[in-house]
Each structure stands twice: as structure tokens, then as C-alpha cells.
Protein backbone atom coordinates (compact mmCIF):
# COMPACT_ATOMS: atom_id res chain seq x y z
CA PRO A 1 -0.32 -7.59 -19.53
CA GLY A 2 2.76 -8.92 -17.70
CA THR A 3 0.69 -11.66 -16.03
CA GLN A 4 -0.84 -12.62 -19.38
CA ALA A 5 2.60 -12.94 -20.98
CA ARG A 6 3.97 -15.06 -18.17
CA TYR A 7 0.88 -17.36 -18.26
CA LEU A 8 1.28 -17.79 -22.02
CA GLU A 9 4.98 -18.64 -21.56
CA ALA A 10 4.08 -21.30 -18.94
CA ILE A 11 1.48 -22.92 -21.17
CA ALA A 12 3.83 -22.83 -24.14
CA ALA A 13 6.43 -24.66 -22.02
CA LEU A 14 3.84 -27.32 -21.29
CA ALA A 15 3.08 -27.75 -24.98
CA ARG A 16 6.75 -28.03 -25.87
CA HIS A 17 7.26 -30.63 -23.16
CA TYR A 18 4.71 -33.02 -24.58
CA HIS A 19 4.77 -31.76 -28.22
CA ARG A 20 1.00 -31.65 -28.12
CA PRO A 21 -1.71 -28.99 -27.79
CA PRO A 22 -2.58 -28.47 -24.11
CA ASP A 23 -6.29 -29.18 -24.67
CA ARG A 24 -5.36 -32.77 -25.76
CA LEU A 25 -3.45 -33.58 -22.55
CA THR A 26 -4.82 -35.80 -19.75
CA GLN A 27 -4.96 -35.19 -16.02
CA GLU A 28 -2.21 -37.77 -15.49
CA GLN A 29 0.00 -35.96 -17.96
CA ILE A 30 -0.55 -32.69 -16.05
CA ARG A 31 0.30 -34.46 -12.76
CA ALA A 32 3.53 -35.90 -14.25
CA TYR A 33 4.46 -32.44 -15.63
CA LEU A 34 4.03 -30.79 -12.23
CA LEU A 35 6.27 -33.47 -10.69
CA HIS A 36 8.76 -32.80 -13.51
CA LEU A 37 8.78 -29.07 -12.60
CA ILE A 38 9.44 -29.92 -8.94
CA GLU A 39 11.79 -32.95 -9.10
CA THR A 40 13.68 -32.49 -12.43
CA ARG A 41 13.72 -28.77 -13.13
CA LYS A 42 13.68 -27.93 -9.40
CA LEU A 43 11.85 -24.68 -9.91
CA ALA A 44 11.79 -22.10 -7.17
CA GLN A 45 8.55 -21.86 -5.25
CA SER A 46 7.51 -18.62 -6.90
CA THR A 47 8.22 -19.96 -10.40
CA PHE A 48 6.34 -23.21 -9.71
CA ARG A 49 3.41 -21.18 -8.28
CA LEU A 50 3.28 -19.24 -11.53
CA HIS A 51 3.13 -22.41 -13.63
CA LEU A 52 0.45 -23.90 -11.43
CA SER A 53 -1.67 -20.76 -11.58
CA ALA A 54 -1.37 -20.70 -15.40
CA LEU A 55 -2.50 -24.34 -15.58
CA LYS A 56 -5.40 -23.70 -13.27
CA PHE A 57 -6.55 -20.80 -15.32
CA LEU A 58 -6.30 -22.69 -18.59
CA TYR A 59 -7.96 -25.91 -17.50
CA ARG A 60 -10.47 -24.61 -14.96
CA ARG A 61 -11.51 -21.24 -16.33
CA THR A 62 -10.97 -21.76 -20.05
CA LEU A 63 -11.53 -25.49 -20.67
CA GLY A 64 -13.90 -26.14 -17.76
CA GLU A 65 -12.05 -29.17 -16.35
CA SER A 66 -12.52 -30.08 -12.67
CA TRP A 67 -9.52 -32.37 -12.28
CA PRO A 68 -8.49 -33.11 -8.68
CA VAL A 69 -4.80 -32.51 -9.63
CA LEU A 70 -5.75 -28.82 -10.06
CA ALA A 71 -6.95 -28.63 -6.44
CA LEU A 72 -3.37 -28.41 -5.09
CA PRO A 73 -3.39 -25.93 -2.22
CA ARG A 74 -1.77 -22.59 -2.93
CA ILE A 75 1.89 -22.56 -1.84
CA ALA A 76 2.48 -20.01 0.90
CA THR A 77 4.66 -17.12 -0.18
CA GLU A 78 7.88 -16.79 1.73
CA LYS A 79 8.05 -13.67 3.91
CA LYS A 80 11.32 -11.90 3.39
CA LEU A 81 12.54 -8.51 4.38
CA PRO A 82 12.43 -6.09 1.38
CA VAL A 83 15.49 -4.63 -0.23
CA VAL A 84 15.65 -0.93 0.69
CA LEU A 85 18.35 1.29 -0.76
CA SER A 86 19.69 4.29 1.07
CA ARG A 87 19.19 7.69 -0.57
CA ASP A 88 22.90 7.81 -1.57
CA GLU A 89 22.60 4.34 -3.15
CA VAL A 90 19.48 5.34 -5.11
CA TRP A 91 21.09 8.47 -6.58
CA CYS A 92 24.38 6.64 -7.26
CA LEU A 93 22.44 3.97 -9.19
CA LEU A 94 20.27 6.44 -11.13
CA ASP A 95 23.26 8.54 -12.15
CA GLN A 96 24.64 5.48 -13.94
CA VAL A 97 21.65 5.12 -16.28
CA ARG A 98 22.87 6.36 -19.65
CA GLN A 99 19.64 6.81 -21.67
CA PRO A 100 18.06 10.16 -20.74
CA ALA A 101 14.46 8.99 -21.09
CA ALA A 102 15.06 5.86 -18.99
CA ARG A 103 17.02 7.81 -16.35
CA LEU A 104 14.34 10.43 -15.94
CA SER A 105 11.51 7.88 -15.86
CA LEU A 106 13.34 6.00 -13.09
CA ARG A 107 13.92 9.25 -11.19
CA LEU A 108 10.25 9.99 -11.50
CA MET A 109 9.36 6.55 -10.14
CA TYR A 110 11.54 7.20 -7.13
CA THR A 111 10.71 10.84 -6.35
CA CYS A 112 6.99 10.38 -6.92
CA GLY A 113 6.49 6.77 -5.87
CA LEU A 114 5.14 5.58 -9.21
CA ARG A 115 4.97 2.05 -10.54
CA VAL A 116 6.95 1.41 -13.69
CA SER A 117 3.84 1.05 -15.82
CA GLU A 118 2.40 4.27 -14.39
CA ALA A 119 5.53 6.27 -15.15
CA LEU A 120 5.73 4.99 -18.69
CA ARG A 121 2.08 5.81 -19.42
CA LEU A 122 2.48 9.44 -18.46
CA ARG A 123 1.41 11.97 -21.07
CA VAL A 124 2.70 15.50 -21.32
CA GLU A 125 -0.62 16.94 -19.93
CA ASP A 126 -0.32 14.67 -16.84
CA ILE A 127 2.44 16.97 -15.42
CA ASP A 128 0.56 19.71 -13.59
CA SER A 129 3.13 22.36 -12.72
CA ARG A 130 0.54 24.83 -11.43
CA ARG A 131 -0.64 22.42 -8.70
CA MET A 132 2.79 20.70 -8.47
CA VAL A 133 1.29 17.24 -8.94
CA VAL A 134 1.50 14.35 -11.37
CA TRP A 135 -1.83 12.90 -12.51
CA VAL A 136 -1.70 9.11 -12.69
CA ARG A 137 -4.37 7.78 -15.04
CA HIS A 138 -5.73 4.25 -14.78
CA GLY A 139 -3.30 3.12 -12.12
CA LYS A 140 -3.58 -0.07 -10.19
CA GLY A 141 -7.28 -1.06 -9.85
CA ALA A 142 -8.12 1.26 -12.83
CA LYS A 143 -8.05 4.23 -10.38
CA ASP A 144 -6.86 7.72 -11.06
CA ARG A 145 -4.83 9.59 -8.42
CA SER A 146 -2.48 12.57 -8.03
CA VAL A 147 0.96 12.48 -6.45
CA PRO A 148 3.18 15.37 -5.26
CA LEU A 149 5.72 16.60 -7.79
CA PRO A 150 9.04 17.71 -6.33
CA GLN A 151 10.47 20.99 -7.67
CA GLN A 152 13.74 19.43 -8.77
CA THR A 153 11.92 16.73 -10.62
CA LEU A 154 9.84 19.37 -12.44
CA VAL A 155 13.06 21.19 -13.40
CA GLU A 156 14.43 17.98 -14.89
CA LEU A 157 11.17 17.28 -16.70
CA ARG A 158 11.18 20.72 -18.31
CA GLY A 159 14.78 20.31 -19.49
CA TYR A 160 13.89 16.88 -20.93
CA TRP A 161 10.85 18.28 -22.69
CA ARG A 162 12.75 21.20 -24.22
CA GLN A 163 15.29 18.81 -25.67
CA ASN A 164 13.06 16.00 -26.84
CA ARG A 165 9.63 17.63 -27.45
CA PRO A 166 7.57 14.47 -26.84
CA ALA A 167 4.22 14.74 -28.60
CA THR A 168 2.10 12.30 -26.55
CA TYR A 169 3.90 10.07 -24.04
CA LEU A 170 6.67 11.58 -22.01
CA PHE A 171 8.92 8.56 -22.27
CA GLY A 172 8.28 7.09 -25.71
CA ALA A 173 10.49 5.06 -27.99
CA ARG A 174 8.84 7.38 -30.56
CA SER A 175 6.89 10.48 -29.88
CA ASP A 176 3.48 8.72 -30.06
CA THR A 177 4.25 5.41 -28.32
CA ARG A 178 5.18 4.27 -24.86
CA ARG A 179 8.69 3.05 -24.08
CA PRO A 180 8.34 -0.64 -23.20
CA ASP A 181 8.69 -1.66 -19.53
CA ASN A 182 11.47 -4.15 -20.28
CA ALA A 183 13.62 -1.46 -21.94
CA VAL A 184 13.64 0.57 -18.69
CA ARG A 185 14.21 -2.47 -16.52
CA GLY A 186 17.15 -3.36 -18.77
CA CYS A 187 18.65 0.13 -18.32
CA LEU A 188 18.33 -0.26 -14.54
CA LYS A 189 20.07 -3.64 -14.56
CA ALA A 190 22.85 -2.29 -16.79
CA ALA A 191 23.33 0.64 -14.39
CA LEU A 192 23.47 -1.71 -11.43
CA ARG A 193 26.38 -3.58 -13.06
CA GLN A 194 28.35 -0.29 -13.05
CA THR A 195 27.97 0.39 -9.32
CA ALA A 196 29.23 -1.30 -6.15
CA ILE A 197 25.71 -2.07 -4.98
CA ARG A 198 25.36 -5.78 -4.49
CA LYS A 199 21.61 -6.17 -4.01
CA LYS A 200 18.76 -7.53 -6.08
CA VAL A 201 17.31 -4.21 -7.33
CA THR A 202 14.13 -3.86 -9.33
CA CYS A 203 11.92 -0.91 -10.32
CA HIS A 204 9.73 -2.00 -7.40
CA THR A 205 12.72 -1.51 -5.08
CA LEU A 206 12.88 2.15 -6.07
CA ARG A 207 9.26 2.66 -5.27
CA HIS A 208 9.59 0.87 -1.94
CA SER A 209 12.65 2.90 -1.04
CA TYR A 210 10.64 6.08 -1.73
CA ALA A 211 7.87 5.02 0.71
CA THR A 212 10.43 4.06 3.35
CA HIS A 213 12.27 7.40 3.04
CA LEU A 214 8.99 9.30 3.45
CA LEU A 215 8.41 7.54 6.75
CA GLU A 216 11.82 8.39 8.15
């Protein structure tokens, strides 16, 4: 869903640029637009790559065009060292999250190594306290899996459940709906501003830190 939304935003930007529907544009207009993104807007490589991928999907896959301009080689992704927080930094950051549901969902991502979408899709019955595991349904690649559930995380989950009594999803804006990803990401960014941590931190960073700490 996130990729779909970003592709739609990229195509909408193209339509706004020319004030015309994308299916009425020519190959030369697409070439000029790509140059505009590089030379005028000076997009970062990752952002330009996103726009190019969206254009390729629309014109090649949807409209069936075989324009040479769409045959641009894929831009190599820069290889950078990942951001890895120390354990103290992680707990300091999570303690600053004010909303209980967002704070506990982020703690679950870190202590169980879950993706943000996986944590927010968890239902009450996915917490298996007898086996001390969390059941992840339809994870990446539409695969189910189980992950170990730390005792302290279970204690916090039980306290959260007693107070909020979620009916379906553990972390819902309402009892029967999932809390949106961007709401949790926003809480994480707000918490980051309250700390002395000066790093680019995302929900993915928490999961990566979990994996790194397991290997220590």
C-alpha cells in the first residue's frame, strides 16, 4: 500500500506539471520532465528513482508504451552504513512516546523484531502467552511466522489490554480498526525531538537495532 500511494503521488505530480492527463503526454514531454526533476528540482537519487519507477509502471505496464526514454538503466542504490541505536538510546527514545498505544507498538517492534505494518496488524489472539510467541499473519511475502515474546513485553501487553480492552486489533484508533502507520511514525518523530539523539531514526531503525543486539 505504501508503494501504491507513493507511485500515485509521483504520477499526480507529473499531471500537475503539464496540467494534462498522463495518458495524453508524449515521450518528449516525459523526457523533458525527467530532466526537470534532475536539473531544476534536483531530486535526491532515491526520490528520482521512485518517480522513474512510477513512470515505468504507468507507461509500460498499464498503457503498454515501449518508449526508449523508459529504458533508462536503474540507478544504483548508495551503500551506506545503517543507523544502529544503542540499547540505552532505544529505551530513552521509546520512553518519550506519549501515546500508550503507539509507545507499546514501538516497544513490540523493537523487542520482537516486527515491521511497523506487522505490529499494527496484530490481533488480540495473535499474542500466545502459553507458548510465549507472537503470531505474525501475512507478513512480508504473505508468509506467517512466529517470533519469541519476551516476558516483560507480555507484562506490558497485559496491562495495556486490561486498561483499553481492544476488541479486534491490539493497536487500533478504534477497537475494530488498525491504527494507521503514519500515526505511529509521527509519534516516533515527536519523541525523537524530545531526546538528545541526533540521528535519522525510523521504525525500520528500531527493527535493525533489535537484530544487531541479538547478534552481540
